[in-house]
Structure formats: structure tokens, C-alpha cells
PDB file of N, CA and C in Angstrom:
ATOM      1  N   UNK A   1       4.263 -74.466   6.122  1.00  0.00           N
ATOM      2  CA  UNK A   1       3.140 -73.571   6.333  1.00  0.00           C
ATOM      3  C   UNK A   1       1.889 -74.224   5.758  1.00  0.00           C
ATOM      4  N   UNK A   2       0.923 -73.456   5.421  1.00  0.00           N
ATOM      5  CA  UNK A   2      -0.353 -73.945   4.939  1.00  0.00           C
ATOM      6  C   UNK A   2      -0.237 -74.436   3.495  1.00  0.00           C
ATOM      7  N   UNK A   3      -0.666 -75.693   3.238  1.00  0.00           N
ATOM      8  CA  UNK A   3      -0.608 -76.230   1.884  1.00  0.00           C
ATOM      9  C   UNK A   3      -1.787 -75.697   1.079  1.00  0.00           C
ATOM     10  N   UNK A   4      -1.517 -75.327  -0.164  1.00  0.00           N
ATOM     11  CA  UNK A   4      -2.564 -74.753  -1.014  1.00  0.00           C
ATOM     12  C   UNK A   4      -3.242 -75.849  -1.838  1.00  0.00           C
ATOM     13  N   UNK A   5      -4.572 -75.867  -1.875  1.00  0.00           N
ATOM     14  CA  UNK A   5      -5.279 -76.835  -2.711  1.00  0.00           C
ATOM     15  C   UNK A   5      -5.012 -76.569  -4.189  1.00  0.00           C
ATOM     16  N   UNK A   6      -5.110 -77.617  -5.038  1.00  0.00           N
ATOM     17  CA  UNK A   6      -4.928 -77.402  -6.481  1.00  0.00           C
ATOM     18  C   UNK A   6      -5.884 -76.329  -6.992  1.00  0.00           C
ATOM     19  N   UNK A   7      -5.421 -75.522  -7.916  1.00  0.00           N
ATOM     20  CA  UNK A   7      -6.251 -74.472  -8.505  1.00  0.00           C
ATOM     21  C   UNK A   7      -6.263 -73.179  -7.714  1.00  0.00           C
ATOM     22  N   UNK A   8      -5.613 -73.165  -6.556  1.00  0.00           N
ATOM     23  CA  UNK A   8      -5.601 -71.953  -5.744  1.00  0.00           C
ATOM     24  C   UNK A   8      -4.233 -71.289  -5.744  1.00  0.00           C
ATOM     25  N   UNK A   9      -3.505 -71.455  -6.822  1.00  0.00           N
ATOM     26  CA  UNK A   9      -2.180 -70.852  -6.919  1.00  0.00           C
ATOM     27  C   UNK A   9      -2.238 -69.458  -7.527  1.00  0.00           C
ATOM     28  N   UNK A  10      -3.363 -69.115  -8.165  1.00  0.00           N
ATOM     29  CA  UNK A  10      -3.556 -67.780  -8.735  1.00  0.00           C
ATOM     30  C   UNK A  10      -4.853 -67.216  -8.160  1.00  0.00           C
ATOM     31  N   UNK A  11      -4.737 -66.039  -7.555  1.00  0.00           N
ATOM     32  CA  UNK A  11      -5.898 -65.412  -6.927  1.00  0.00           C
ATOM     33  C   UNK A  11      -5.977 -63.968  -7.403  1.00  0.00           C
ATOM     34  N   UNK A  12      -7.186 -63.526  -7.712  1.00  0.00           N
ATOM     35  CA  UNK A  12      -7.411 -62.149  -8.156  1.00  0.00           C
ATOM     36  C   UNK A  12      -8.177 -61.397  -7.070  1.00  0.00           C
ATOM     37  N   UNK A  13      -7.738 -60.176  -6.815  1.00  0.00           N
ATOM     38  CA  UNK A  13      -8.401 -59.315  -5.835  1.00  0.00           C
ATOM     39  C   UNK A  13      -8.462 -57.894  -6.395  1.00  0.00           C
ATOM     40  N   UNK A  14      -9.395 -57.109  -5.881  1.00  0.00           N
ATOM     41  CA  UNK A  14      -9.495 -55.692  -6.236  1.00  0.00           C
ATOM     42  C   UNK A  14      -9.078 -54.867  -5.025  1.00  0.00           C
ATOM     43  N   UNK A  15      -8.142 -53.961  -5.227  1.00  0.00           N
ATOM     44  CA  UNK A  15      -7.730 -53.057  -4.159  1.00  0.00           C
ATOM     45  C   UNK A  15      -8.631 -51.831  -4.174  1.00  0.00           C
ATOM     46  N   UNK A  16      -8.948 -51.327  -3.008  1.00  0.00           N
ATOM     47  CA  UNK A  16      -9.720 -50.091  -2.897  1.00  0.00           C
ATOM     48  C   UNK A  16      -8.728 -48.942  -3.031  1.00  0.00           C
ATOM     49  N   UNK A  17      -8.605 -48.411  -4.238  1.00  0.00           N
ATOM     50  CA  UNK A  17      -7.592 -47.385  -4.507  1.00  0.00           C
ATOM     51  C   UNK A  17      -7.910 -46.059  -3.822  1.00  0.00           C
ATOM     52  N   UNK A  18      -9.132 -45.896  -3.345  1.00  0.00           N
ATOM     53  CA  UNK A  18      -9.513 -44.677  -2.627  1.00  0.00           C
ATOM     54  C   UNK A  18      -9.539 -44.898  -1.117  1.00  0.00           C
ATOM     55  N   UNK A  19      -9.288 -46.125  -0.685  1.00  0.00           N
ATOM     56  CA  UNK A  19      -9.364 -46.460   0.734  1.00  0.00           C
ATOM     57  C   UNK A  19      -8.001 -46.443   1.394  1.00  0.00           C
ATOM     58  N   UNK A  20      -7.793 -47.428   2.255  1.00  0.00           N
ATOM     59  CA  UNK A  20      -6.523 -47.548   2.978  1.00  0.00           C
ATOM     60  C   UNK A  20      -5.370 -47.699   1.994  1.00  0.00           C
ATOM     61  N   UNK A  21      -4.168 -47.490   2.482  1.00  0.00           N
ATOM     62  CA  UNK A  21      -2.997 -47.604   1.617  1.00  0.00           C
ATOM     63  C   UNK A  21      -3.016 -48.954   0.903  1.00  0.00           C
ATOM     64  N   UNK A  22      -2.878 -48.952  -0.421  1.00  0.00           N
ATOM     65  CA  UNK A  22      -2.898 -50.210  -1.171  1.00  0.00           C
ATOM     66  C   UNK A  22      -1.855 -51.217  -0.684  1.00  0.00           C
ATOM     67  N   UNK A  23      -0.679 -50.764  -0.271  1.00  0.00           N
ATOM     68  CA  UNK A  23       0.346 -51.693   0.230  1.00  0.00           C
ATOM     69  C   UNK A  23      -0.166 -52.441   1.460  1.00  0.00           C
ATOM     70  N   UNK A  24      -0.896 -51.757   2.316  1.00  0.00           N
ATOM     71  CA  UNK A  24      -1.471 -52.389   3.499  1.00  0.00           C
ATOM     72  C   UNK A  24      -2.507 -53.428   3.091  1.00  0.00           C
ATOM     73  N   UNK A  25      -3.303 -53.118   2.076  1.00  0.00           N
ATOM     74  CA  UNK A  25      -4.294 -54.066   1.584  1.00  0.00           C
ATOM     75  C   UNK A  25      -3.616 -55.315   1.029  1.00  0.00           C
ATOM     76  N   UNK A  26      -2.486 -55.143   0.355  1.00  0.00           N
ATOM     77  CA  UNK A  26      -1.743 -56.285  -0.185  1.00  0.00           C
ATOM     78  C   UNK A  26      -1.269 -57.183   0.949  1.00  0.00           C
ATOM     79  N   UNK A  27      -0.734 -56.592   1.999  1.00  0.00           N
ATOM     80  CA  UNK A  27      -0.287 -57.369   3.156  1.00  0.00           C
ATOM     81  C   UNK A  27      -1.458 -58.152   3.746  1.00  0.00           C
ATOM     82  N   UNK A  28      -2.609 -57.524   3.860  1.00  0.00           N
ATOM     83  CA  UNK A  28      -3.788 -58.196   4.405  1.00  0.00           C
ATOM     84  C   UNK A  28      -4.221 -59.358   3.521  1.00  0.00           C
ATOM     85  N   UNK A  29      -4.168 -59.179   2.191  1.00  0.00           N
ATOM     86  CA  UNK A  29      -4.522 -60.269   1.271  1.00  0.00           C
ATOM     87  C   UNK A  29      -3.533 -61.418   1.388  1.00  0.00           C
ATOM     88  N   UNK A  30      -2.234 -61.113   1.446  1.00  0.00           N
ATOM     89  CA  UNK A  30      -1.218 -62.162   1.574  1.00  0.00           C
ATOM     90  C   UNK A  30      -1.395 -62.912   2.891  1.00  0.00           C
ATOM     91  N   UNK A  31      -1.679 -62.199   3.954  1.00  0.00           N
ATOM     92  CA  UNK A  31      -1.911 -62.850   5.249  1.00  0.00           C
ATOM     93  C   UNK A  31      -3.094 -63.813   5.151  1.00  0.00           C
ATOM     94  N   UNK A  32      -4.176 -63.368   4.543  1.00  0.00           N
ATOM     95  CA  UNK A  32      -5.359 -64.218   4.400  1.00  0.00           C
ATOM     96  C   UNK A  32      -5.071 -65.431   3.511  1.00  0.00           C
ATOM     97  N   UNK A  33      -4.374 -65.215   2.411  1.00  0.00           N
ATOM     98  CA  UNK A  33      -4.073 -66.310   1.486  1.00  0.00           C
ATOM     99  C   UNK A  33      -3.127 -67.341   2.092  1.00  0.00           C
ATOM    100  N   UNK A  34      -2.186 -66.872   2.891  1.00  0.00           N
ATOM    101  CA  UNK A  34      -1.164 -67.766   3.439  1.00  0.00           C
ATOM    102  C   UNK A  34      -1.506 -68.313   4.821  1.00  0.00           C
ATOM    103  N   UNK A  35      -2.583 -67.799   5.419  1.00  0.00           N
ATOM    104  CA  UNK A  35      -2.965 -68.253   6.747  1.00  0.00           C
ATOM    105  C   UNK A  35      -2.035 -67.755   7.840  1.00  0.00           C
ATOM    106  N   UNK A  36      -1.391 -66.632   7.592  1.00  0.00           N
ATOM    107  CA  UNK A  36      -0.442 -66.064   8.554  1.00  0.00           C
ATOM    108  C   UNK A  36      -1.003 -64.773   9.139  1.00  0.00           C
ATOM    109  N   UNK A  37      -0.426 -64.356  10.261  1.00  0.00           N
ATOM    110  CA  UNK A  37      -0.782 -63.077  10.868  1.00  0.00           C
ATOM    111  C   UNK A  37      -0.090 -61.954  10.114  1.00  0.00           C
ATOM    112  N   UNK A  38      -0.769 -60.831   9.983  1.00  0.00           N
ATOM    113  CA  UNK A  38      -0.194 -59.660   9.317  1.00  0.00           C
ATOM    114  C   UNK A  38       1.140 -59.281   9.957  1.00  0.00           C
ATOM    115  N   UNK A  39       1.205 -59.342  11.282  1.00  0.00           N
ATOM    116  CA  UNK A  39       2.417 -58.936  12.001  1.00  0.00           C
ATOM    117  C   UNK A  39       3.624 -59.815  11.692  1.00  0.00           C
ATOM    118  N   UNK A  40       3.386 -61.046  11.218  1.00  0.00           N
ATOM    119  CA  UNK A  40       4.494 -61.962  10.937  1.00  0.00           C
ATOM    120  C   UNK A  40       5.094 -61.753   9.546  1.00  0.00           C
ATOM    121  N   UNK A  41       4.466 -60.920   8.724  1.00  0.00           N
ATOM    122  CA  UNK A  41       4.945 -60.688   7.361  1.00  0.00           C
ATOM    123  C   UNK A  41       5.993 -59.578   7.332  1.00  0.00           C
ATOM    124  N   UNK A  42       6.849 -59.632   6.327  1.00  0.00           N
ATOM    125  CA  UNK A  42       7.917 -58.640   6.176  1.00  0.00           C
ATOM    126  C   UNK A  42       7.339 -57.247   5.958  1.00  0.00           C
ATOM    127  N   UNK A  43       8.086 -56.269   6.389  1.00  0.00           N
ATOM    128  CA  UNK A  43       7.702 -54.876   6.180  1.00  0.00           C
ATOM    129  C   UNK A  43       7.601 -54.584   4.685  1.00  0.00           C
ATOM    130  N   UNK A  44       6.578 -53.856   4.300  1.00  0.00           N
ATOM    131  CA  UNK A  44       6.452 -53.502   2.880  1.00  0.00           C
ATOM    132  C   UNK A  44       7.567 -52.562   2.457  1.00  0.00           C
ATOM    133  N   UNK A  45       8.024 -51.725   3.379  1.00  0.00           N
ATOM    134  CA  UNK A  45       9.098 -50.788   3.036  1.00  0.00           C
ATOM    135  C   UNK A  45      10.363 -51.540   2.646  1.00  0.00           C
ATOM    136  N   UNK A  46      10.651 -52.631   3.336  1.00  0.00           N
ATOM    137  CA  UNK A  46      11.850 -53.415   3.062  1.00  0.00           C
ATOM    138  C   UNK A  46      11.738 -54.239   1.787  1.00  0.00           C
ATOM    139  N   UNK A  47      10.541 -54.431   1.273  1.00  0.00           N
ATOM    140  CA  UNK A  47      10.369 -55.292   0.107  1.00  0.00           C
ATOM    141  C   UNK A  47       9.962 -54.546  -1.155  1.00  0.00           C
ATOM    142  N   UNK A  48       8.872 -53.806  -1.105  1.00  0.00           N
ATOM    143  CA  UNK A  48       8.465 -53.086  -2.316  1.00  0.00           C
ATOM    144  C   UNK A  48       8.207 -51.606  -2.072  1.00  0.00           C
ATOM    145  N   UNK A  49       8.620 -51.132  -0.909  1.00  0.00           N
ATOM    146  CA  UNK A  49       8.542 -49.699  -0.632  1.00  0.00           C
ATOM    147  C   UNK A  49       7.148 -49.142  -0.819  1.00  0.00           C
ATOM    148  N   UNK A  50       7.099 -47.924  -1.268  1.00  0.00           N
ATOM    149  CA  UNK A  50       5.813 -47.257  -1.476  1.00  0.00           C
ATOM    150  C   UNK A  50       5.446 -47.203  -2.951  1.00  0.00           C
ATOM    151  N   UNK A  51       6.046 -48.085  -3.741  1.00  0.00           N
ATOM    152  CA  UNK A  51       5.786 -48.090  -5.185  1.00  0.00           C
ATOM    153  C   UNK A  51       4.298 -48.250  -5.473  1.00  0.00           C
ATOM    154  N   UNK A  52       3.654 -49.185  -4.792  1.00  0.00           N
ATOM    155  CA  UNK A  52       2.233 -49.435  -5.035  1.00  0.00           C
ATOM    156  C   UNK A  52       1.391 -48.246  -4.592  1.00  0.00           C
ATOM    157  N   UNK A  53       1.666 -47.715  -3.407  1.00  0.00           N
ATOM    158  CA  UNK A  53       0.896 -46.562  -2.932  1.00  0.00           C
ATOM    159  C   UNK A  53       1.059 -45.377  -3.880  1.00  0.00           C
ATOM    160  N   UNK A  54       2.285 -45.158  -4.348  1.00  0.00           N
ATOM    161  CA  UNK A  54       2.548 -44.043  -5.268  1.00  0.00           C
ATOM    162  C   UNK A  54       1.787 -44.189  -6.579  1.00  0.00           C
ATOM    163  N   UNK A  55       1.572 -45.425  -7.010  1.00  0.00           N
ATOM    164  CA  UNK A  55       0.838 -45.672  -8.254  1.00  0.00           C
ATOM    165  C   UNK A  55      -0.563 -45.070  -8.192  1.00  0.00           C
ATOM    166  N   UNK A  56      -1.168 -45.068  -7.006  1.00  0.00           N
ATOM    167  CA  UNK A  56      -2.534 -44.574  -6.868  1.00  0.00           C
ATOM    168  C   UNK A  56      -2.625 -43.137  -6.374  1.00  0.00           C
ATOM    169  N   UNK A  57      -1.565 -42.624  -5.771  1.00  0.00           N
ATOM    170  CA  UNK A  57      -1.591 -41.233  -5.305  1.00  0.00           C
ATOM    171  C   UNK A  57      -1.620 -40.260  -6.473  1.00  0.00           C
ATOM    172  N   UNK A  58      -0.830 -40.534  -7.480  1.00  0.00           N
ATOM    173  CA  UNK A  58      -0.798 -39.711  -8.691  1.00  0.00           C
ATOM    174  C   UNK A  58      -0.849 -40.649  -9.886  1.00  0.00           C
ATOM    175  N   UNK A  59      -2.035 -41.193 -10.170  1.00  0.00           N
ATOM    176  CA  UNK A  59      -2.132 -42.216 -11.211  1.00  0.00           C
ATOM    177  C   UNK A  59      -1.824 -41.674 -12.607  1.00  0.00           C
ATOM    178  N   UNK A  60      -1.184 -42.518 -13.415  1.00  0.00           N
ATOM    179  CA  UNK A  60      -0.921 -42.135 -14.799  1.00  0.00           C
ATOM    180  C   UNK A  60      -2.223 -42.168 -15.600  1.00  0.00           C
ATOM    181  N   UNK A  61      -2.166 -41.673 -16.810  1.00  0.00           N
ATOM    182  CA  UNK A  61      -3.334 -41.712 -17.696  1.00  0.00           C
ATOM    183  C   UNK A  61      -3.741 -43.168 -17.916  1.00  0.00           C
ATOM    184  N   UNK A  62      -5.050 -43.452 -17.985  1.00  0.00           N
ATOM    185  CA  UNK A  62      -5.502 -44.826 -18.201  1.00  0.00           C
ATOM    186  C   UNK A  62      -4.870 -45.486 -19.428  1.00  0.00           C
ATOM    187  N   UNK A  63      -4.577 -44.694 -20.432  1.00  0.00           N
ATOM    188  CA  UNK A  63      -3.985 -45.262 -21.647  1.00  0.00           C
ATOM    189  C   UNK A  63      -2.581 -45.817 -21.407  1.00  0.00           C
ATOM    190  N   UNK A  64      -1.942 -45.441 -20.305  1.00  0.00           N
ATOM    191  CA  UNK A  64      -0.599 -45.949 -19.997  1.00  0.00           C
ATOM    192  C   UNK A  64      -0.634 -47.426 -19.597  1.00  0.00           C
ATOM    193  N   UNK A  65      -1.751 -47.881 -19.049  1.00  0.00           N
ATOM    194  CA  UNK A  65      -1.933 -49.272 -18.631  1.00  0.00           C
ATOM    195  C   UNK A  65      -0.764 -49.771 -17.775  1.00  0.00           C
ATOM    196  N   UNK A  66      -0.421 -49.010 -16.749  1.00  0.00           N
ATOM    197  CA  UNK A  66       0.720 -49.324 -15.889  1.00  0.00           C
ATOM    198  C   UNK A  66       0.423 -50.532 -15.002  1.00  0.00           C
ATOM    199  N   UNK A  67       1.428 -51.396 -14.879  1.00  0.00           N
ATOM    200  CA  UNK A  67       1.397 -52.525 -13.959  1.00  0.00           C
ATOM    201  C   UNK A  67       2.679 -52.505 -13.140  1.00  0.00           C
ATOM    202  N   UNK A  68       2.571 -52.919 -11.892  1.00  0.00           N
ATOM    203  CA  UNK A  68       3.733 -53.071 -11.027  1.00  0.00           C
ATOM    204  C   UNK A  68       3.752 -54.534 -10.598  1.00  0.00           C
ATOM    205  N   UNK A  69       4.898 -55.197 -10.766  1.00  0.00           N
ATOM    206  CA  UNK A  69       5.016 -56.607 -10.402  1.00  0.00           C
ATOM    207  C   UNK A  69       6.198 -56.788  -9.457  1.00  0.00           C
ATOM    208  N   UNK A  70       5.988 -57.561  -8.409  1.00  0.00           N
ATOM    209  CA  UNK A  70       7.038 -57.808  -7.415  1.00  0.00           C
ATOM    210  C   UNK A  70       6.720 -59.107  -6.684  1.00  0.00           C
ATOM    211  N   UNK A  71       7.700 -59.630  -5.966  1.00  0.00           N
ATOM    212  CA  UNK A  71       7.515 -60.832  -5.163  1.00  0.00           C
ATOM    213  C   UNK A  71       7.516 -60.438  -3.689  1.00  0.00           C
ATOM    214  N   UNK A  72       6.545 -60.993  -2.963  1.00  0.00           N
ATOM    215  CA  UNK A  72       6.412 -60.680  -1.539  1.00  0.00           C
ATOM    216  C   UNK A  72       5.871 -61.902  -0.810  1.00  0.00           C
ATOM    217  N   UNK A  73       6.605 -62.384   0.162  1.00  0.00           N
ATOM    218  CA  UNK A  73       6.164 -63.456   1.061  1.00  0.00           C
ATOM    219  C   UNK A  73       5.593 -64.674   0.328  1.00  0.00           C
ATOM    220  N   UNK A  74       6.280 -65.115  -0.724  1.00  0.00           N
ATOM    221  CA  UNK A  74       5.863 -66.323  -1.426  1.00  0.00           C
ATOM    222  C   UNK A  74       4.848 -66.115  -2.530  1.00  0.00           C
ATOM    223  N   UNK A  75       4.566 -64.874  -2.885  1.00  0.00           N
ATOM    224  CA  UNK A  75       3.616 -64.569  -3.958  1.00  0.00           C
ATOM    225  C   UNK A  75       4.252 -63.613  -4.956  1.00  0.00           C
ATOM    226  N   UNK A  76       4.031 -63.875  -6.228  1.00  0.00           N
ATOM    227  CA  UNK A  76       4.386 -62.932  -7.288  1.00  0.00           C
ATOM    228  C   UNK A  76       3.120 -62.115  -7.492  1.00  0.00           C
ATOM    229  N   UNK A  77       3.204 -60.817  -7.231  1.00  0.00           N
ATOM    230  CA  UNK A  77       2.023 -59.952  -7.206  1.00  0.00           C
ATOM    231  C   UNK A  77       2.118 -58.929  -8.322  1.00  0.00           C
ATOM    232  N   UNK A  78       1.048 -58.824  -9.092  1.00  0.00           N
ATOM    233  CA  UNK A  78       0.952 -57.807 -10.135  1.00  0.00           C
ATOM    234  C   UNK A  78      -0.231 -56.913  -9.798  1.00  0.00           C
ATOM    235  N   UNK A  79       0.023 -55.611  -9.760  1.00  0.00           N
ATOM    236  CA  UNK A  79      -1.021 -54.631  -9.457  1.00  0.00           C
ATOM    237  C   UNK A  79      -1.185 -53.723 -10.668  1.00  0.00           C
ATOM    238  N   UNK A  80      -2.410 -53.654 -11.177  1.00  0.00           N
ATOM    239  CA  UNK A  80      -2.729 -52.761 -12.291  1.00  0.00           C
ATOM    240  C   UNK A  80      -3.135 -51.405 -11.738  1.00  0.00           C
ATOM    241  N   UNK A  81      -3.005 -50.373 -12.556  1.00  0.00           N
ATOM    242  CA  UNK A  81      -3.336 -49.028 -12.094  1.00  0.00           C
ATOM    243  C   UNK A  81      -4.812 -48.850 -11.773  1.00  0.00           C
ATOM    244  N   UNK A  82      -5.666 -49.789 -12.198  1.00  0.00           N
ATOM    245  CA  UNK A  82      -7.088 -49.696 -11.860  1.00  0.00           C
ATOM    246  C   UNK A  82      -7.421 -50.379 -10.533  1.00  0.00           C
ATOM    247  N   UNK A  83      -6.393 -50.973  -9.885  1.00  0.00           N
ATOM    248  CA  UNK A  83      -6.602 -51.607  -8.593  1.00  0.00           C
ATOM    249  C   UNK A  83      -6.718 -53.115  -8.638  1.00  0.00           C
ATOM    250  N   UNK A  84      -6.738 -53.709  -9.834  1.00  0.00           N
ATOM    251  CA  UNK A  84      -6.785 -55.170  -9.937  1.00  0.00           C
ATOM    252  C   UNK A  84      -5.434 -55.738  -9.517  1.00  0.00           C
ATOM    253  N   UNK A  85      -5.458 -56.730  -8.654  1.00  0.00           N
ATOM    254  CA  UNK A  85      -4.221 -57.356  -8.187  1.00  0.00           C
ATOM    255  C   UNK A  85      -4.304 -58.863  -8.393  1.00  0.00           C
ATOM    256  N   UNK A  86      -3.211 -59.441  -8.878  1.00  0.00           N
ATOM    257  CA  UNK A  86      -3.111 -60.877  -9.081  1.00  0.00           C
ATOM    258  C   UNK A  86      -2.013 -61.414  -8.174  1.00  0.00           C
ATOM    259  N   UNK A  87      -2.326 -62.461  -7.441  1.00  0.00           N
ATOM    260  CA  UNK A  87      -1.393 -63.091  -6.519  1.00  0.00           C
ATOM    261  C   UNK A  87      -1.123 -64.501  -7.031  1.00  0.00           C
ATOM    262  N   UNK A  88       0.128 -64.787  -7.370  1.00  0.00           N
ATOM    263  CA  UNK A  88       0.510 -66.104  -7.866  1.00  0.00           C
ATOM    264  C   UNK A  88       1.452 -66.731  -6.845  1.00  0.00           C
ATOM    265  N   UNK A  89       1.071 -67.877  -6.306  1.00  0.00           N
ATOM    266  CA  UNK A  89       1.924 -68.567  -5.339  1.00  0.00           C
ATOM    267  C   UNK A  89       3.193 -69.032  -6.041  1.00  0.00           C
ATOM    268  N   UNK A  90       4.353 -68.655  -5.486  1.00  0.00           N
ATOM    269  CA  UNK A  90       5.623 -69.048  -6.101  1.00  0.00           C
ATOM    270  C   UNK A  90       6.417 -70.006  -5.233  1.00  0.00           C
ATOM    271  N   UNK A  91       6.020 -70.187  -3.972  1.00  0.00           N
ATOM    272  CA  UNK A  91       6.657 -71.185  -3.122  1.00  0.00           C
ATOM    273  C   UNK A  91       5.755 -71.495  -1.941  1.00  0.00           C
ATOM    274  N   UNK A  92       6.139 -72.474  -1.170  1.00  0.00           N
ATOM    275  CA  UNK A  92       5.326 -72.889  -0.018  1.00  0.00           C
ATOM    276  C   UNK A  92       5.904 -72.350   1.274  1.00  0.00           C
ATOM    277  N   UNK A  93       5.856 -71.034   1.450  1.00  0.00           N
ATOM    278  CA  UNK A  93       6.392 -70.396   2.661  1.00  0.00           C
ATOM    279  C   UNK A  93       5.599 -70.827   3.851  1.00  0.00           C
TER     280      UNK A  93
END
């Protein structure tokens, strides 16, 4: 697939927690980062379900500092309850 230049193995993005489903936004970011079409990526339900969307539907107290971490399509992704997302390339899919 697309080779990543040095220094581009960790990418930070902000999810719009009031906008479209955060899981959909993650798929769009992974597609952009990997140079793939959204349709070619695995279903979010089969990989991380609605865990990310649920985090924002009924958010915990800010003091909880909740993070959700999972691997999806060659990226280790961490999503904070404030919408900050970190994408770490873990393989060359």
C-alpha cells in the first residue's frame, strides 16, 4: 500500500463530537491517512463496534479522563473523551 514518510507514523486529529458519528469520522481519517477508499475499509461494527460513538452520546465526567484505544486497519487509535484522537501506524497495510 502507500509508504509513509518518516515522522508521519503518529497523527493527531480532533473529532467533532457534536457532528457525525465519531466512528465514521475515524474511518474517514484512516482512509485519508492510508490513501484508501472508505468503502475498502473494514466495518466499524466488526472491529470496534459503537464503543467510540457511545463515549460521546453519554460522556463521563471530565474528571474521569476516559480514553478508548483499539487497532483498526493498520493504526493503533486512541480517542479521548474530549474528541482528541491519535493515530499510530502499526503496520504497512
